[in-house]
Amino acid sequence: MKQNILITGASSGFGLLIANKLHESGYNVIGTSRNPEKHQNLVPFKLLALDIADDNSIKSFTKELFSEIKQLDVLINNAGFYLSGLAEETSIELGRQQFETNFWGTIKLTNELLPNFRKQRFGKILTVGSIMGLLNFPSAAYYGASKHALEGYFKSLRFELNEFNIKVAMVEPMGFKTNIISSSVAADGKINDYDTYRNKIGKFSKDLFTNAPEPTPVINTLIKLIEDKNPTFNHPVGKGASVFLAIQLFAYKTFEKSILKNINKFKM
């Protein structure tokens, strides 16, 4: 029997790529989008309406989902957005919106589906986090904080669901070519003291994502986790990911100097 796989945020980015790949591989894929009518004719899999920042949308989505399928084998939490900008220049309201989607939205949807997973006594919950959930960079304070929060939550949930044969894992990509920057939200404030630094960070970020690799390794990692009967928890993906993490943990000054050096090479 085909496995049923739910992928949130499946109309673009990692979500669209993994959904297409899994559909081609013979899985029964159900994706979500806030506006599925705009994308359904462009994708070969089923798209259902879901806004993970809206409680009513989550409730109605869950009912519709289980009218389409009788069991859910894999949940891939992927929906979210990138809030960029210096910490002090970002309003608390925008910061709250980042957490309402990236953290609370992901948790609320997961919790809504947990009774079905527990009743089945099997399943997988795979969450697309970010390398910034394990370390962080300038101009991403709220985004990184939301991804750090997901790491902490799912680390605990992994233990709690073990007796139900429900596996929990995180994927933490480095920078890859997706629409994350084009669909990002920018900080809504400006403090003159940061003008020079902000411009350097902007050039640094543009260079980073312009030269980023294709996201194939992320897709391959998710497929391996779907196929693995007992996956481990953390899965950093991307060139240098393991080195970055090791340096941050055991030689933080070296890590800090490396980041500052790469930022400061962009002259004003």
Protein backbone atom coordinates (compact mmCIF):
# COMPACT_ATOMS: atom_id res chain seq x y z
CA MET A 1 0.00 0.00 0.00
CA LYS A 2 1.25 3.49 -0.84
CA GLN A 3 2.38 5.59 2.11
CA ASN A 4 0.40 8.78 2.65
CA ILE A 5 2.70 11.76 3.11
CA LEU A 6 1.57 15.23 4.15
CA ILE A 7 3.85 18.16 3.27
CA THR A 8 3.05 21.65 4.51
CA GLY A 9 4.07 24.62 2.38
CA ALA A 10 4.19 22.46 -0.74
CA SER A 11 3.58 25.13 -3.38
CA SER A 12 7.16 26.44 -3.40
CA GLY A 13 10.70 25.91 -2.11
CA PHE A 14 11.76 22.70 -0.39
CA GLY A 15 8.11 21.68 0.01
CA LEU A 16 7.36 21.73 -3.72
CA LEU A 17 10.59 19.94 -4.59
CA ILE A 18 10.14 17.10 -2.11
CA ALA A 19 6.44 16.77 -2.96
CA ASN A 20 7.20 16.39 -6.67
CA LYS A 21 9.99 13.90 -6.00
CA LEU A 22 7.87 11.75 -3.67
CA HIS A 23 4.95 11.81 -6.10
CA GLU A 24 7.26 10.63 -8.88
CA SER A 25 8.50 7.85 -6.57
CA GLY A 26 5.00 6.48 -6.10
CA TYR A 27 3.99 7.92 -2.73
CA ASN A 28 0.52 9.38 -2.18
CA VAL A 29 1.40 13.03 -1.55
CA ILE A 30 -0.92 15.61 -0.07
CA GLY A 31 0.48 19.13 0.04
CA THR A 32 -0.79 22.29 1.65
CA SER A 33 -0.89 25.89 0.54
CA ARG A 34 -2.60 29.01 1.80
CA ASN A 35 -3.97 29.47 -1.74
CA PRO A 36 -4.16 26.02 -3.36
CA GLU A 37 -6.39 27.25 -6.20
CA LYS A 38 -3.43 29.26 -7.55
CA HIS A 39 -1.15 26.22 -7.72
CA GLN A 40 -3.27 23.06 -8.13
CA ASN A 41 -3.10 23.04 -11.93
CA LEU A 42 0.69 23.38 -11.75
CA VAL A 43 1.40 20.35 -9.56
CA PRO A 44 0.64 16.61 -9.99
CA PHE A 45 -0.32 16.00 -6.35
CA LYS A 46 -3.32 17.03 -4.24
CA LEU A 47 -3.16 20.45 -2.58
CA LEU A 48 -5.36 21.34 0.39
CA ALA A 49 -5.90 24.78 1.93
CA LEU A 50 -4.01 25.44 5.16
CA ASP A 51 -2.72 28.52 6.95
CA ILE A 52 -0.75 27.19 9.90
CA ALA A 53 -0.98 30.60 11.61
CA ASP A 54 -4.78 30.30 11.74
CA ASP A 55 -6.35 27.96 14.33
CA ASN A 56 -9.63 27.63 12.42
CA SER A 57 -7.74 26.76 9.24
CA ILE A 58 -5.88 23.99 11.08
CA LYS A 59 -9.13 22.51 12.42
CA SER A 60 -10.93 22.55 9.07
CA PHE A 61 -7.86 21.25 7.27
CA THR A 62 -7.56 18.24 9.57
CA LYS A 63 -11.18 17.26 8.90
CA GLU A 64 -10.66 17.56 5.15
CA LEU A 65 -7.39 15.62 5.30
CA PHE A 66 -8.95 12.58 6.93
CA SER A 67 -11.84 12.65 4.50
CA GLU A 68 -9.17 12.12 1.81
CA ILE A 69 -7.10 9.47 3.62
CA LYS A 70 -7.69 6.91 6.39
CA GLN A 71 -4.18 7.01 7.84
CA LEU A 72 -1.20 9.36 7.76
CA ASP A 73 2.22 7.74 7.49
CA VAL A 74 4.50 10.79 7.39
CA LEU A 75 4.10 14.46 8.28
CA ILE A 76 6.72 16.79 6.83
CA ASN A 77 6.54 20.17 8.58
CA ASN A 78 7.92 22.63 6.06
CA ALA A 79 5.66 25.71 6.01
CA GLY A 80 7.12 28.95 7.31
CA PHE A 81 8.78 32.18 6.26
CA TYR A 82 12.03 34.05 6.72
CA LEU A 83 12.07 37.30 8.69
CA SER A 84 15.30 39.15 7.94
CA GLY A 85 16.72 42.21 9.60
CA LEU A 86 18.77 43.39 12.53
CA ALA A 87 17.30 42.48 15.90
CA GLU A 88 16.82 46.02 17.26
CA GLU A 89 15.31 47.19 13.98
CA THR A 90 12.65 44.46 14.01
CA SER A 91 9.40 45.24 15.80
CA ILE A 92 8.12 42.88 18.45
CA GLU A 93 4.93 42.53 16.40
CA LEU A 94 6.86 41.20 13.41
CA GLY A 95 8.81 38.93 15.75
CA ARG A 96 5.54 37.55 17.10
CA GLN A 97 4.33 36.87 13.55
CA GLN A 98 7.54 34.93 12.89
CA PHE A 99 6.89 32.73 15.92
CA GLU A 100 3.16 32.38 15.22
CA THR A 101 3.97 30.78 11.88
CA ASN A 102 7.34 29.07 12.20
CA PHE A 103 6.96 27.81 15.76
CA TRP A 104 3.38 27.91 17.02
CA GLY A 105 1.83 27.09 13.64
CA THR A 106 4.06 24.05 13.25
CA ILE A 107 3.36 22.89 16.80
CA LYS A 108 -0.41 23.43 16.58
CA LEU A 109 -0.68 21.42 13.38
CA THR A 110 1.50 18.64 14.79
CA ASN A 111 -0.60 18.50 17.95
CA GLU A 112 -3.79 18.36 15.91
CA LEU A 113 -2.48 15.29 14.09
CA LEU A 114 -0.99 13.50 17.10
CA PRO A 115 -4.23 11.73 18.18
CA ASN A 116 -4.35 10.04 14.77
CA PHE A 117 -0.70 9.03 14.97
CA ARG A 118 -1.19 7.63 18.50
CA LYS A 119 -4.28 5.70 17.44
CA GLN A 120 -2.32 4.14 14.56
CA ARG A 121 0.67 3.37 16.81
CA PHE A 122 3.09 4.36 14.03
CA GLY A 123 4.18 7.30 11.89
CA LYS A 124 6.93 9.83 11.30
CA ILE A 125 7.11 13.55 12.01
CA LEU A 126 9.89 15.18 10.00
CA THR A 127 10.46 18.90 10.42
CA VAL A 128 12.45 21.12 8.08
CA GLY A 129 14.30 23.43 10.43
CA SER A 130 17.47 25.31 9.55
CA ILE A 131 21.15 25.31 10.38
CA MET A 132 20.16 28.55 12.11
CA GLY A 133 18.27 26.44 14.61
CA LEU A 134 21.64 25.08 15.77
CA LEU A 135 23.72 28.24 15.35
CA ASN A 136 22.82 31.69 14.10
CA PHE A 137 24.01 34.56 11.95
CA PRO A 138 23.50 38.34 11.96
CA SER A 139 20.25 39.73 10.58
CA ALA A 140 18.27 36.58 11.45
CA ALA A 141 17.61 36.87 15.18
CA TYR A 142 13.89 36.03 15.12
CA TYR A 143 14.13 33.46 12.35
CA GLY A 144 16.96 31.67 14.13
CA ALA A 145 15.13 31.91 17.46
CA SER A 146 12.01 30.31 15.94
CA LYS A 147 14.11 27.46 14.55
CA HIS A 148 15.95 27.01 17.87
CA ALA A 149 12.55 26.73 19.54
CA LEU A 150 11.48 23.97 17.13
CA GLU A 151 14.65 22.03 17.94
CA GLY A 152 13.91 22.15 21.66
CA TYR A 153 10.26 21.20 21.28
CA PHE A 154 10.80 18.23 18.99
CA LYS A 155 13.73 16.94 21.04
CA SER A 156 11.30 16.50 23.91
CA LEU A 157 8.46 15.19 21.75
CA ARG A 158 10.75 12.51 20.30
CA PHE A 159 11.04 10.89 23.74
CA GLU A 160 7.34 11.22 24.52
CA LEU A 161 6.19 9.52 21.30
CA ASN A 162 8.70 6.69 21.36
CA GLU A 163 6.31 4.25 23.04
CA PHE A 164 3.79 4.79 20.22
CA ASN A 165 6.32 3.90 17.51
CA ILE A 166 6.16 7.49 16.20
CA LYS A 167 9.55 8.69 14.98
CA VAL A 168 10.58 12.35 15.19
CA ALA A 169 13.48 13.93 13.29
CA MET A 170 14.78 17.34 12.21
CA VAL A 171 16.48 18.38 8.96
CA GLU A 172 18.68 21.48 9.24
CA PRO A 173 19.68 22.84 5.82
CA MET A 174 22.47 25.32 5.18
CA GLY A 175 21.77 27.95 2.50
CA PHE A 176 20.34 26.48 -0.73
CA LYS A 177 18.74 27.97 -3.83
CA THR A 178 15.04 28.34 -3.05
CA ASN A 179 12.56 31.22 -2.93
CA ILE A 180 13.32 31.88 0.76
CA ILE A 181 14.79 35.34 0.10
CA SER A 182 12.31 36.46 -2.57
CA SER A 183 9.41 35.55 -0.27
CA SER A 184 11.04 36.86 2.92
CA VAL A 185 9.73 39.66 5.14
CA ALA A 186 12.11 42.51 6.04
CA ALA A 187 12.48 44.31 9.36
CA ASP A 188 10.19 47.29 9.70
CA GLY A 189 12.52 49.72 11.47
CA LYS A 190 15.69 51.67 10.72
CA ILE A 191 18.29 52.95 13.18
CA ASN A 192 20.96 55.18 11.67
CA ASP A 193 23.72 53.78 13.87
CA TYR A 194 23.39 50.48 11.99
CA ASP A 195 23.55 51.93 8.45
CA THR A 196 27.08 50.73 7.65
CA TYR A 197 26.64 47.33 9.24
CA ARG A 198 23.20 46.80 7.67
CA ASN A 199 24.59 47.46 4.19
CA LYS A 200 27.44 45.01 4.74
CA ILE A 201 25.02 42.36 5.97
CA GLY A 202 22.78 42.92 2.94
CA LYS A 203 25.69 42.35 0.56
CA PHE A 204 26.87 39.35 2.56
CA SER A 205 23.40 37.74 2.47
CA LYS A 206 22.92 38.45 -1.24
CA ASP A 207 26.30 36.90 -2.04
CA LEU A 208 25.56 33.88 0.16
CA PHE A 209 22.26 33.01 -1.50
CA THR A 210 23.35 33.96 -5.03
CA ASN A 211 26.13 31.39 -4.79
CA ALA A 212 24.13 28.81 -2.88
CA PRO A 213 23.95 25.24 -4.26
CA GLU A 214 20.86 23.49 -5.58
CA PRO A 215 18.74 21.89 -2.81
CA THR A 216 19.07 18.27 -4.00
CA PRO A 217 20.88 17.14 -0.79
CA VAL A 218 17.94 18.31 1.33
CA ILE A 219 15.47 16.36 -0.79
CA ASN A 220 17.67 13.26 -0.63
CA THR A 221 17.95 13.54 3.15
CA LEU A 222 14.17 13.70 3.57
CA ILE A 223 13.71 10.65 1.34
CA LYS A 224 16.26 8.71 3.40
CA LEU A 225 14.42 9.62 6.60
CA ILE A 226 11.13 8.43 5.14
CA GLU A 227 12.74 5.10 4.25
CA ASP A 228 14.69 4.72 7.52
CA LYS A 229 12.81 2.62 10.10
CA ASN A 230 14.52 4.28 13.06
CA PRO A 231 15.99 7.67 12.08
CA THR A 232 18.25 9.67 14.36
CA PHE A 233 17.13 13.16 15.40
CA ASN A 234 19.48 15.79 13.89
CA HIS A 235 20.35 15.96 10.18
CA PRO A 236 22.37 19.06 9.21
CA VAL A 237 22.62 19.28 5.42
CA GLY A 238 25.06 21.26 3.31
CA LYS A 239 28.73 21.79 2.67
CA GLY A 240 30.56 22.63 5.86
CA ALA A 241 27.55 22.14 8.15
CA SER A 242 29.28 19.70 10.49
CA VAL A 243 32.43 21.84 10.59
CA PHE A 244 30.42 24.99 11.43
CA LEU A 245 28.67 23.20 14.27
CA ALA A 246 31.87 21.75 15.67
CA ILE A 247 33.69 25.10 15.56
CA GLN A 248 30.77 26.86 17.22
CA LEU A 249 30.65 24.29 20.04
CA PHE A 250 34.35 23.88 20.68
CA ALA A 251 36.02 27.01 19.32
CA TYR A 252 33.43 29.78 19.37
CA LYS A 253 35.95 32.62 18.96
CA THR A 254 37.15 31.02 15.73
CA PHE A 255 33.54 30.73 14.51
CA GLU A 256 32.85 34.36 15.41
CA LYS A 257 36.00 35.62 13.68
CA SER A 258 35.10 33.65 10.54
CA ILE A 259 31.64 35.21 10.33
CA LEU A 260 32.93 38.74 10.97
CA LYS A 261 35.69 38.30 8.40
CA ASN A 262 33.18 37.26 5.72
CA ILE A 263 30.90 40.21 6.53
CA ASN A 264 33.69 42.81 6.65
CA LYS A 265 35.06 41.85 3.24
CA PHE A 266 32.13 43.79 1.77
CA LYS A 267 33.41 47.35 1.71
CA MET A 268 31.14 50.37 1.73
